[in-house]
Amino acid sequence: MPIMQTVLSKLNENLGRDNIRSFAKDSSGDFEHGKPLHEALAKAGAGDGPLREPFKAYLSKMPAGISEALRATIHHALNTTPPTMITFAWAPAYDYELHVWQSPDTETTKGGITVMFKSRYPDHPHPLAAK
């Protein structure tokens, strides 16, 4: 769990109000269709630090449909004008889950997207992996 808290805090910082515009300008291409999500998200959440490789390995195990839905959501948010903020959260679960909701823009405020993903702890193997 500590790895998730650390990298999600960084993701929330990068995709939050103060940094979303510069992050979108510098990184939106990393989330284009066909680009590997685990590479882009590990870079955004851990930079070149010691958590990059473990987080990238964790993300690479995510089922393809969930990974693609997450990549598309991030790509969309980064390419709106202005970019749409994203808040990330994680919770432990037996299998992978992805919950996404969006509050719409209003006349006075920009909306935002919340992404909650659930999975086993990053270092816990799935029982099917042993078969």
C-alpha atoms as a PDB file:
ATOM      1  CA  MET A   1       0.000   0.000   0.000  1.00  0.00           C
ATOM      2  CA  PRO A   2       2.713   2.601   0.724  1.00  0.00           C
ATOM      3  CA  ILE A   3       3.855   2.532  -2.910  1.00  0.00           C
ATOM      4  CA  MET A   4       0.324   3.290  -4.063  1.00  0.00           C
ATOM      5  CA  GLN A   5      -0.103   6.196  -1.647  1.00  0.00           C
ATOM      6  CA  THR A   6       3.182   7.726  -2.738  1.00  0.00           C
ATOM      7  CA  VAL A   7       2.709   7.452  -6.497  1.00  0.00           C
ATOM      8  CA  LEU A   8      -0.960   8.452  -6.417  1.00  0.00           C
ATOM      9  CA  SER A   9      -0.066  11.543  -4.417  1.00  0.00           C
ATOM     10  CA  LYS A  10       2.345  12.490  -7.203  1.00  0.00           C
ATOM     11  CA  LEU A  11      -0.246  11.732  -9.892  1.00  0.00           C
ATOM     12  CA  ASN A  12      -2.779  13.889  -8.056  1.00  0.00           C
ATOM     13  CA  GLU A  13      -0.214  16.670  -7.858  1.00  0.00           C
ATOM     14  CA  ASN A  14       0.569  16.466 -11.584  1.00  0.00           C
ATOM     15  CA  LEU A  15      -3.086  16.295 -12.634  1.00  0.00           C
ATOM     16  CA  GLY A  16      -4.411  18.776 -10.081  1.00  0.00           C
ATOM     17  CA  ARG A  17      -5.281  22.441 -10.384  1.00  0.00           C
ATOM     18  CA  ASP A  18      -1.748  23.860 -10.043  1.00  0.00           C
ATOM     19  CA  ASN A  19       0.048  21.592 -12.520  1.00  0.00           C
ATOM     20  CA  ILE A  20      -2.513  20.164 -14.961  1.00  0.00           C
ATOM     21  CA  ARG A  21      -1.848  22.662 -17.760  1.00  0.00           C
ATOM     22  CA  SER A  22       1.911  22.135 -17.839  1.00  0.00           C
ATOM     23  CA  PHE A  23       1.519  18.381 -17.369  1.00  0.00           C
ATOM     24  CA  ALA A  24      -0.944  18.226 -20.267  1.00  0.00           C
ATOM     25  CA  LYS A  25       1.392  20.247 -22.476  1.00  0.00           C
ATOM     26  CA  ASP A  26       4.396  18.049 -21.660  1.00  0.00           C
ATOM     27  CA  SER A  27       2.775  14.621 -21.333  1.00  0.00           C
ATOM     28  CA  SER A  28      -0.504  14.302 -23.264  1.00  0.00           C
ATOM     29  CA  GLY A  29       1.282  12.478 -26.085  1.00  0.00           C
ATOM     30  CA  ASP A  30       2.392   9.783 -23.645  1.00  0.00           C
ATOM     31  CA  PHE A  31      -1.263   8.733 -23.249  1.00  0.00           C
ATOM     32  CA  GLU A  32      -2.216   8.510 -26.940  1.00  0.00           C
ATOM     33  CA  HIS A  33      -3.872   5.377 -28.298  1.00  0.00           C
ATOM     34  CA  GLY A  34      -1.320   2.615 -28.743  1.00  0.00           C
ATOM     35  CA  LYS A  35       1.083   3.960 -26.135  1.00  0.00           C
ATOM     36  CA  PRO A  36       1.726   1.677 -23.131  1.00  0.00           C
ATOM     37  CA  LEU A  37      -0.102   2.991 -20.081  1.00  0.00           C
ATOM     38  CA  HIS A  38       2.330   1.413 -17.628  1.00  0.00           C
ATOM     39  CA  GLU A  39       5.203   3.467 -19.071  1.00  0.00           C
ATOM     40  CA  ALA A  40       3.360   6.802 -19.070  1.00  0.00           C
ATOM     41  CA  LEU A  41       1.666   6.419 -15.697  1.00  0.00           C
ATOM     42  CA  ALA A  42       4.837   5.185 -13.971  1.00  0.00           C
ATOM     43  CA  LYS A  43       6.712   8.191 -15.361  1.00  0.00           C
ATOM     44  CA  ALA A  44       3.937  10.562 -14.201  1.00  0.00           C
ATOM     45  CA  GLY A  45       3.624   8.983 -10.756  1.00  0.00           C
ATOM     46  CA  ALA A  46       7.207   8.145  -9.884  1.00  0.00           C
ATOM     47  CA  GLY A  47       9.414  10.120 -12.258  1.00  0.00           C
ATOM     48  CA  ASP A  48      12.896   8.629 -12.305  1.00  0.00           C
ATOM     49  CA  GLY A  49      12.737   7.658  -8.633  1.00  0.00           C
ATOM     50  CA  PRO A  50      13.045   4.225  -7.037  1.00  0.00           C
ATOM     51  CA  LEU A  51       9.290   3.527  -7.227  1.00  0.00           C
ATOM     52  CA  ARG A  52       9.112   3.828 -11.014  1.00  0.00           C
ATOM     53  CA  GLU A  53      10.020   0.239 -11.858  1.00  0.00           C
ATOM     54  CA  PRO A  54       7.857  -1.419  -9.145  1.00  0.00           C
ATOM     55  CA  PHE A  55       4.873   0.773 -10.100  1.00  0.00           C
ATOM     56  CA  LYS A  56       5.441   0.080 -13.802  1.00  0.00           C
ATOM     57  CA  ALA A  57       5.549  -3.664 -13.107  1.00  0.00           C
ATOM     58  CA  TYR A  58       2.316  -3.427 -11.112  1.00  0.00           C
ATOM     59  CA  LEU A  59       0.586  -1.483 -13.899  1.00  0.00           C
ATOM     60  CA  SER A  60       1.760  -3.916 -16.576  1.00  0.00           C
ATOM     61  CA  LYS A  61      -0.245  -6.683 -14.855  1.00  0.00           C
ATOM     62  CA  MET A  62      -3.496  -4.722 -15.121  1.00  0.00           C
ATOM     63  CA  PRO A  63      -6.008  -6.374 -17.499  1.00  0.00           C
ATOM     64  CA  ALA A  64      -5.901  -4.845 -20.977  1.00  0.00           C
ATOM     65  CA  GLY A  65      -9.502  -3.576 -20.967  1.00  0.00           C
ATOM     66  CA  ILE A  66      -9.035  -1.758 -17.671  1.00  0.00           C
ATOM     67  CA  SER A  67      -5.677  -0.372 -18.741  1.00  0.00           C
ATOM     68  CA  GLU A  68      -7.112   0.926 -22.018  1.00  0.00           C
ATOM     69  CA  ALA A  69     -10.125   2.515 -20.287  1.00  0.00           C
ATOM     70  CA  LEU A  70      -7.785   4.278 -17.874  1.00  0.00           C
ATOM     71  CA  ARG A  71      -5.444   5.416 -20.662  1.00  0.00           C
ATOM     72  CA  ALA A  72      -8.358   6.773 -22.705  1.00  0.00           C
ATOM     73  CA  THR A  73      -9.752   8.642 -19.699  1.00  0.00           C
ATOM     74  CA  ILE A  74      -6.411  10.306 -19.003  1.00  0.00           C
ATOM     75  CA  HIS A  75      -5.867  11.118 -22.681  1.00  0.00           C
ATOM     76  CA  HIS A  76      -9.306  12.710 -22.909  1.00  0.00           C
ATOM     77  CA  ALA A  77      -8.770  14.796 -19.761  1.00  0.00           C
ATOM     78  CA  LEU A  78      -5.397  16.080 -20.926  1.00  0.00           C
ATOM     79  CA  ASN A  79      -6.779  17.101 -24.319  1.00  0.00           C
ATOM     80  CA  THR A  80      -9.797  19.133 -23.217  1.00  0.00           C
ATOM     81  CA  THR A  81      -9.562  22.928 -23.218  1.00  0.00           C
ATOM     82  CA  PRO A  82      -8.617  23.673 -20.522  1.00  0.00           C
ATOM     83  CA  PRO A  83      -7.381  20.249 -19.370  1.00  0.00           C
ATOM     84  CA  THR A  84      -9.702  18.427 -16.980  1.00  0.00           C
ATOM     85  CA  MET A  85      -8.304  17.675 -13.537  1.00  0.00           C
ATOM     86  CA  ILE A  86      -8.157  14.032 -12.410  1.00  0.00           C
ATOM     87  CA  THR A  87      -8.110  12.750  -8.859  1.00  0.00           C
ATOM     88  CA  PHE A  88      -6.764   9.224  -8.377  1.00  0.00           C
ATOM     89  CA  ALA A  89      -7.514   6.827  -5.537  1.00  0.00           C
ATOM     90  CA  TRP A  90      -6.727   3.166  -4.896  1.00  0.00           C
ATOM     91  CA  ALA A  91      -8.205   0.535  -2.594  1.00  0.00           C
ATOM     92  CA  PRO A  92      -7.347  -3.101  -1.995  1.00  0.00           C
ATOM     93  CA  ALA A  93      -9.553  -5.721  -3.665  1.00  0.00           C
ATOM     94  CA  TYR A  94      -9.470  -9.336  -4.793  1.00  0.00           C
ATOM     95  CA  ASP A  95      -9.496  -8.561  -8.518  1.00  0.00           C
ATOM     96  CA  TYR A  96      -8.910  -5.484 -10.642  1.00  0.00           C
ATOM     97  CA  GLU A  97     -11.681  -2.902 -10.739  1.00  0.00           C
ATOM     98  CA  LEU A  98     -11.966   0.554 -12.266  1.00  0.00           C
ATOM     99  CA  HIS A  99     -14.528   3.157 -11.230  1.00  0.00           C
ATOM    100  CA  VAL A 100     -14.616   6.475 -13.076  1.00  0.00           C
ATOM    101  CA  TRP A 101     -16.954   9.384 -12.546  1.00  0.00           C
ATOM    102  CA  GLN A 102     -16.968  12.930 -13.815  1.00  0.00           C
ATOM    103  CA  SER A 103     -18.524  16.079 -12.482  1.00  0.00           C
ATOM    104  CA  PRO A 104     -19.410  18.347 -15.390  1.00  0.00           C
ATOM    105  CA  ASP A 105     -18.191  21.864 -15.946  1.00  0.00           C
ATOM    106  CA  THR A 106     -20.475  24.666 -14.787  1.00  0.00           C
ATOM    107  CA  GLU A 107     -20.538  28.358 -15.636  1.00  0.00           C
ATOM    108  CA  THR A 108     -18.342  29.104 -12.617  1.00  0.00           C
ATOM    109  CA  THR A 109     -16.118  26.030 -12.206  1.00  0.00           C
ATOM    110  CA  LYS A 110     -14.321  23.428 -14.253  1.00  0.00           C
ATOM    111  CA  GLY A 111     -15.472  19.903 -13.498  1.00  0.00           C
ATOM    112  CA  GLY A 112     -13.202  17.003 -12.791  1.00  0.00           C
ATOM    113  CA  ILE A 113     -12.743  13.278 -13.149  1.00  0.00           C
ATOM    114  CA  THR A 114     -12.208  10.865 -10.294  1.00  0.00           C
ATOM    115  CA  VAL A 115     -10.561   7.516 -10.949  1.00  0.00           C
ATOM    116  CA  MET A 116     -10.738   4.812  -8.294  1.00  0.00           C
ATOM    117  CA  PHE A 117      -8.943   1.638  -9.131  1.00  0.00           C
ATOM    118  CA  LYS A 118      -8.837  -1.436  -6.999  1.00  0.00           C
ATOM    119  CA  SER A 119      -6.538  -4.429  -7.009  1.00  0.00           C
ATOM    120  CA  ARG A 120      -4.547  -6.706  -4.819  1.00  0.00           C
ATOM    121  CA  TYR A 121      -1.648  -5.103  -2.998  1.00  0.00           C
ATOM    122  CA  PRO A 122       1.075  -4.584  -5.600  1.00  0.00           C
ATOM    123  CA  ASP A 123       3.320  -7.290  -4.127  1.00  0.00           C
ATOM    124  CA  HIS A 124       0.549  -9.885  -3.601  1.00  0.00           C
ATOM    125  CA  PRO A 125       0.324 -12.424  -6.415  1.00  0.00           C
ATOM    126  CA  HIS A 126      -3.079 -13.287  -7.826  1.00  0.00           C
ATOM    127  CA  PRO A 127      -4.034 -16.931  -7.158  1.00  0.00           C
ATOM    128  CA  LEU A 128      -4.412 -17.580 -10.900  1.00  0.00           C
ATOM    129  CA  ALA A 129      -0.824 -16.496 -11.514  1.00  0.00           C
ATOM    130  CA  ALA A 130       0.386 -19.685  -9.833  1.00  0.00           C
ATOM    131  CA  LYS A 131      -1.415 -21.947 -12.331  1.00  0.00           C
END
